[in-house]
Amino acid sequence: MSGLFDLTGRVALVTGSSRGIGNALARALADAGATVVLNGVNAERLKAAEVALAADFGPGRVHSVAFDVTSDAEAARGIAWVEEHVGPLQILVNNAGIQHRVPMLELDVADWERVIKTDLTSAFLVGREAARHMIPRGRGKIINICSVQTDLARPTIAPYVAAKGGLRNLTRAMTAEWAASGLQINGIAPGYIHTEMTQNLVDDEQFNSWILGRTPAARWGTVQDLAGPAVWLASDGSDFVNGQTIFIDGGMTVVV
């Protein structure tokens, strides 16, 4: 592997990584040489994910820590655990997120706040704790996982749209404050990605046809489509890339 994209010896934490996109991104970083730390709140599922990944990369290369990313105290505890038990954190991927589908006129405030806390506030809390350690060392990579809903909207997912739009500007705010200390903070905005959690949408003939027609690439994205951009943003190859949100959507956001 080119030295520009070699992550050997670097410690990476991926939130919400017991399955789905987060797990795929952790695998991609490990494949590039990083020592990865998985995160989630379901301890049993998290441990199973750790065991599965360690089977491919070895137990010394894969760890896990369960903590609630929406709690400032828990975020501090989780980052401290990584620093103490794994090593200096150099790469953070803020991937944890949830969805809640209901028309806005029927949306409960508690559900609005739950999505905002999980999809936006968590990136602030975990990102800030990571930065407290990265800044004195003069280097660090933070990757915030956004969405095509960072730029677009659909009915019934108002809190998700608001959170992902806010995440792009949080990425910019982090850059404004931390770039001079040697950190690079960027976002990845996936389009519609085929995972176990979107299988029901793929199986919906009408929705699937809409995706294929709406996407210039005429297909769903795969988790493998996200691997290269994530490794690039985590590597020395992106050392002068800051505050950007990279859309990986098969062209969806550039056409009408």
Protein backbone atom coordinates (compact mmCIF):
# COMPACT_ATOMS: atom_id res chain seq x y z
CA MET A 1 0.00 0.00 0.00
CA SER A 2 1.20 3.52 -0.77
CA GLY A 3 2.67 5.24 2.26
CA LEU A 4 0.20 8.08 1.81
CA PHE A 5 -2.68 5.79 2.71
CA ASP A 6 -0.96 3.43 5.15
CA LEU A 7 -2.58 3.57 8.61
CA THR A 8 -0.27 1.07 10.28
CA GLY A 9 0.18 1.78 13.98
CA ARG A 10 -2.64 4.34 14.18
CA VAL A 11 -5.53 3.96 16.60
CA ALA A 12 -9.02 4.54 15.21
CA LEU A 13 -12.35 4.68 17.06
CA VAL A 14 -15.56 4.22 15.06
CA THR A 15 -18.79 4.96 16.92
CA GLY A 16 -21.87 2.87 16.19
CA SER A 17 -19.74 0.16 14.62
CA SER A 18 -21.19 -3.14 15.80
CA ARG A 19 -22.90 -3.49 12.40
CA GLY A 20 -23.79 -1.69 9.17
CA ILE A 21 -21.77 1.18 7.73
CA GLY A 22 -19.81 1.72 10.94
CA ASN A 23 -18.63 -1.86 11.01
CA ALA A 24 -17.63 -1.70 7.34
CA LEU A 25 -15.65 1.49 7.94
CA ALA A 26 -13.86 -0.10 10.90
CA ARG A 27 -12.95 -3.04 8.67
CA ALA A 28 -11.65 -0.70 5.97
CA LEU A 29 -9.44 1.17 8.45
CA ALA A 30 -8.13 -2.11 9.85
CA ASP A 31 -7.42 -3.35 6.34
CA ALA A 32 -5.30 -0.20 5.83
CA GLY A 33 -3.31 -1.10 8.94
CA ALA A 34 -5.07 0.74 11.75
CA THR A 35 -5.79 -0.68 15.19
CA VAL A 36 -9.54 -0.22 15.50
CA VAL A 37 -11.85 0.26 18.46
CA LEU A 38 -15.50 -0.60 17.93
CA ASN A 39 -18.25 1.17 19.85
CA GLY A 40 -21.93 0.62 20.57
CA VAL A 41 -24.39 0.42 23.46
CA ASN A 42 -25.47 -3.20 23.00
CA ALA A 43 -22.60 -4.97 24.77
CA GLU A 44 -23.46 -8.43 23.46
CA ARG A 45 -23.69 -7.36 19.81
CA LEU A 46 -20.56 -5.24 20.20
CA LYS A 47 -18.53 -8.15 21.57
CA ALA A 48 -19.70 -10.38 18.72
CA ALA A 49 -18.58 -7.75 16.22
CA GLU A 50 -15.18 -7.50 17.92
CA VAL A 51 -14.70 -11.28 17.80
CA ALA A 52 -15.69 -11.40 14.12
CA LEU A 53 -13.29 -8.62 13.13
CA ALA A 54 -10.48 -9.96 15.31
CA ALA A 55 -10.77 -13.28 13.48
CA ASP A 56 -9.52 -11.50 10.36
CA PHE A 57 -7.02 -9.05 11.84
CA GLY A 58 -5.97 -10.52 15.19
CA PRO A 59 -7.07 -9.61 18.73
CA GLY A 60 -4.31 -7.03 19.17
CA ARG A 61 -5.67 -5.05 16.23
CA VAL A 62 -9.32 -5.00 17.27
CA HIS A 63 -10.88 -3.75 20.51
CA SER A 64 -14.29 -2.56 21.65
CA VAL A 65 -15.68 -0.20 24.25
CA ALA A 66 -19.37 0.22 25.06
CA PHE A 67 -20.47 3.74 25.92
CA ASP A 68 -23.38 6.08 25.23
CA VAL A 69 -22.24 8.68 22.70
CA THR A 70 -25.08 11.04 23.71
CA SER A 71 -23.67 11.50 27.24
CA ASP A 72 -20.80 13.90 27.86
CA ALA A 73 -19.60 11.86 30.84
CA GLU A 74 -19.78 8.62 28.88
CA ALA A 75 -17.99 10.17 25.89
CA ALA A 76 -15.18 11.28 28.19
CA ARG A 77 -15.01 7.81 29.74
CA GLY A 78 -14.93 6.10 26.34
CA ILE A 79 -12.15 8.27 24.92
CA ALA A 80 -10.15 7.93 28.14
CA TRP A 81 -10.48 4.14 27.92
CA VAL A 82 -9.10 4.13 24.36
CA GLU A 83 -6.18 6.36 25.35
CA GLU A 84 -5.32 4.21 28.37
CA HIS A 85 -5.91 0.70 27.05
CA VAL A 86 -5.25 0.92 23.30
CA GLY A 87 -3.09 3.97 22.60
CA PRO A 88 -3.16 7.60 21.46
CA LEU A 89 -6.32 8.15 19.43
CA GLN A 90 -5.43 9.47 15.98
CA ILE A 91 -8.60 8.73 13.99
CA LEU A 92 -12.22 9.23 15.08
CA VAL A 93 -15.18 8.31 12.90
CA ASN A 94 -18.45 9.76 14.26
CA ASN A 95 -20.84 7.26 12.71
CA ALA A 96 -23.48 6.60 15.40
CA GLY A 97 -26.94 7.51 14.21
CA ILE A 98 -30.63 6.60 14.23
CA GLN A 99 -33.67 7.29 12.08
CA HIS A 100 -37.29 8.05 13.05
CA ARG A 101 -39.96 8.24 10.35
CA VAL A 102 -43.12 10.17 11.11
CA PRO A 103 -44.79 13.27 9.57
CA MET A 104 -43.68 16.49 11.26
CA LEU A 105 -47.17 17.40 12.41
CA GLU A 106 -47.27 14.12 14.34
CA LEU A 107 -43.66 14.18 15.56
CA ASP A 108 -43.22 13.94 19.31
CA VAL A 109 -40.68 16.39 20.73
CA ALA A 110 -38.98 13.55 22.59
CA ASP A 111 -38.37 11.72 19.30
CA TRP A 112 -37.04 14.91 17.70
CA GLU A 113 -34.61 15.39 20.57
CA ARG A 114 -33.56 11.71 20.57
CA VAL A 115 -32.55 11.85 16.89
CA ILE A 116 -30.77 15.19 17.26
CA LYS A 117 -28.84 13.91 20.30
CA THR A 118 -27.79 10.69 18.60
CA ASP A 119 -27.02 12.01 15.11
CA LEU A 120 -25.61 15.47 15.87
CA THR A 121 -24.90 16.13 19.56
CA SER A 122 -22.95 12.87 19.86
CA ALA A 123 -20.46 14.03 17.20
CA PHE A 124 -19.90 17.21 19.20
CA LEU A 125 -19.43 15.33 22.48
CA VAL A 126 -17.17 12.54 21.23
CA GLY A 127 -15.35 14.84 18.81
CA ARG A 128 -14.61 17.35 21.56
CA GLU A 129 -13.24 14.66 23.87
CA ALA A 130 -11.07 13.27 21.09
CA ALA A 131 -9.80 16.76 20.25
CA ARG A 132 -8.76 17.36 23.86
CA HIS A 133 -6.17 14.61 23.34
CA MET A 134 -5.36 15.24 19.67
CA ILE A 135 -4.67 18.97 19.93
CA PRO A 136 -1.71 18.72 22.36
CA ARG A 137 -0.18 16.09 20.06
CA GLY A 138 -0.62 18.33 17.01
CA ARG A 139 -2.38 15.76 14.82
CA GLY A 140 -5.67 13.94 14.40
CA LYS A 141 -8.36 12.99 11.92
CA ILE A 142 -12.09 13.31 12.63
CA ILE A 143 -14.55 12.00 10.06
CA ASN A 144 -18.24 12.82 10.56
CA ILE A 145 -20.68 10.54 8.76
CA CYS A 146 -23.29 12.76 7.15
CA SER A 147 -25.85 11.78 4.47
CA VAL A 148 -27.41 12.94 1.23
CA GLN A 149 -29.94 14.41 3.66
CA THR A 150 -27.16 16.81 4.61
CA ASP A 151 -28.12 18.56 1.37
CA LEU A 152 -31.57 17.19 0.52
CA ALA A 153 -34.84 16.50 2.32
CA ARG A 154 -37.57 13.88 2.21
CA PRO A 155 -40.94 13.82 3.94
CA THR A 156 -41.28 12.14 7.37
CA ILE A 157 -37.60 12.36 8.43
CA ALA A 158 -37.37 15.98 9.62
CA PRO A 159 -35.13 15.41 12.68
CA TYR A 160 -32.70 13.31 10.65
CA VAL A 161 -32.52 15.99 7.92
CA ALA A 162 -31.94 18.70 10.53
CA ALA A 163 -29.27 16.65 12.31
CA LYS A 164 -27.35 15.74 9.16
CA GLY A 165 -27.50 19.32 7.88
CA GLY A 166 -26.18 20.48 11.24
CA LEU A 167 -23.41 17.89 11.11
CA ARG A 168 -21.93 19.47 7.99
CA ASN A 169 -21.73 22.83 9.75
CA LEU A 170 -20.39 21.22 12.92
CA THR A 171 -17.63 19.81 10.69
CA ARG A 172 -16.90 23.35 9.53
CA ALA A 173 -16.99 24.70 13.09
CA MET A 174 -14.53 22.04 14.25
CA THR A 175 -12.26 23.00 11.36
CA ALA A 176 -12.46 26.69 12.23
CA GLU A 177 -11.33 26.00 15.79
CA TRP A 178 -8.99 23.00 15.50
CA ALA A 179 -7.32 23.02 12.07
CA ALA A 180 -4.51 25.30 13.26
CA SER A 181 -3.64 22.64 15.84
CA GLY A 182 -2.96 20.05 13.13
CA LEU A 183 -6.36 18.35 12.98
CA GLN A 184 -8.29 17.57 9.81
CA ILE A 185 -12.06 17.32 10.23
CA ASN A 186 -14.17 16.27 7.25
CA GLY A 187 -17.47 14.62 6.48
CA ILE A 188 -18.57 11.70 4.34
CA ALA A 189 -22.12 11.90 3.02
CA PRO A 190 -23.29 8.48 1.79
CA GLY A 191 -26.16 8.12 -0.60
CA TYR A 192 -28.55 5.21 -0.33
CA ILE A 193 -26.38 2.29 0.77
CA HIS A 194 -27.51 -1.34 0.60
CA THR A 195 -27.03 -2.84 4.07
CA GLU A 196 -28.98 -5.20 6.30
CA MET A 197 -30.72 -2.14 7.75
CA THR A 198 -31.91 -0.89 4.33
CA GLN A 199 -32.84 -4.32 2.95
CA ASN A 200 -36.55 -3.59 3.45
CA LEU A 201 -36.19 -0.51 1.22
CA VAL A 202 -34.32 -2.51 -1.43
CA ASP A 203 -37.13 -5.07 -1.32
CA ASP A 204 -39.77 -2.36 -1.80
CA GLU A 205 -40.22 -2.45 -5.58
CA GLN A 206 -41.55 1.11 -5.85
CA PHE A 207 -38.83 2.62 -3.65
CA ASN A 208 -36.08 0.58 -5.30
CA SER A 209 -37.21 1.77 -8.74
CA TRP A 210 -37.18 5.36 -7.49
CA ILE A 211 -33.59 4.98 -6.20
CA LEU A 212 -32.36 3.45 -9.45
CA GLY A 213 -34.03 6.20 -11.49
CA ARG A 214 -32.95 9.04 -9.17
CA THR A 215 -29.28 7.97 -9.02
CA PRO A 216 -27.16 8.67 -12.14
CA ALA A 217 -25.06 5.57 -11.37
CA ALA A 218 -28.33 3.59 -11.52
CA ARG A 219 -27.59 1.43 -8.49
CA TRP A 220 -27.55 1.40 -4.72
CA GLY A 221 -24.25 2.16 -3.05
CA THR A 222 -22.37 -0.52 -1.15
CA VAL A 223 -20.36 -0.27 2.06
CA GLN A 224 -17.28 -0.96 -0.06
CA ASP A 225 -17.95 2.31 -1.92
CA LEU A 226 -17.32 4.15 1.37
CA ALA A 227 -14.10 2.36 2.27
CA GLY A 228 -11.67 4.23 0.00
CA PRO A 229 -12.88 7.74 0.88
CA ALA A 230 -12.78 6.89 4.60
CA VAL A 231 -9.22 5.57 4.39
CA TRP A 232 -8.17 8.64 2.37
CA LEU A 233 -9.64 11.06 4.92
CA ALA A 234 -8.00 9.11 7.76
CA SER A 235 -4.59 9.11 6.06
CA ASP A 236 -1.72 11.47 5.32
CA GLY A 237 -3.11 11.75 1.80
CA SER A 238 -5.71 14.26 3.01
CA ASP A 239 -3.53 16.44 5.23
CA PHE A 240 -4.64 19.69 3.54
CA VAL A 241 -8.30 18.70 3.20
CA ASN A 242 -10.33 20.37 5.93
CA GLY A 243 -13.97 21.17 6.59
CA GLN A 244 -15.22 19.37 3.51
CA THR A 245 -18.19 17.05 3.14
CA ILE A 246 -17.62 14.45 0.43
CA PHE A 247 -20.82 13.11 -1.14
CA ILE A 248 -20.60 9.43 -2.07
CA ASP A 249 -23.98 9.02 -3.68
CA GLY A 250 -23.57 7.91 -7.29
CA GLY A 251 -24.36 11.48 -8.39
CA MET A 252 -27.75 11.78 -6.67
CA THR A 253 -27.16 15.27 -5.26
CA VAL A 254 -25.98 16.82 -8.56
CA VAL A 255 -29.03 16.12 -10.70
CA VAL A 256 -32.68 17.16 -10.66
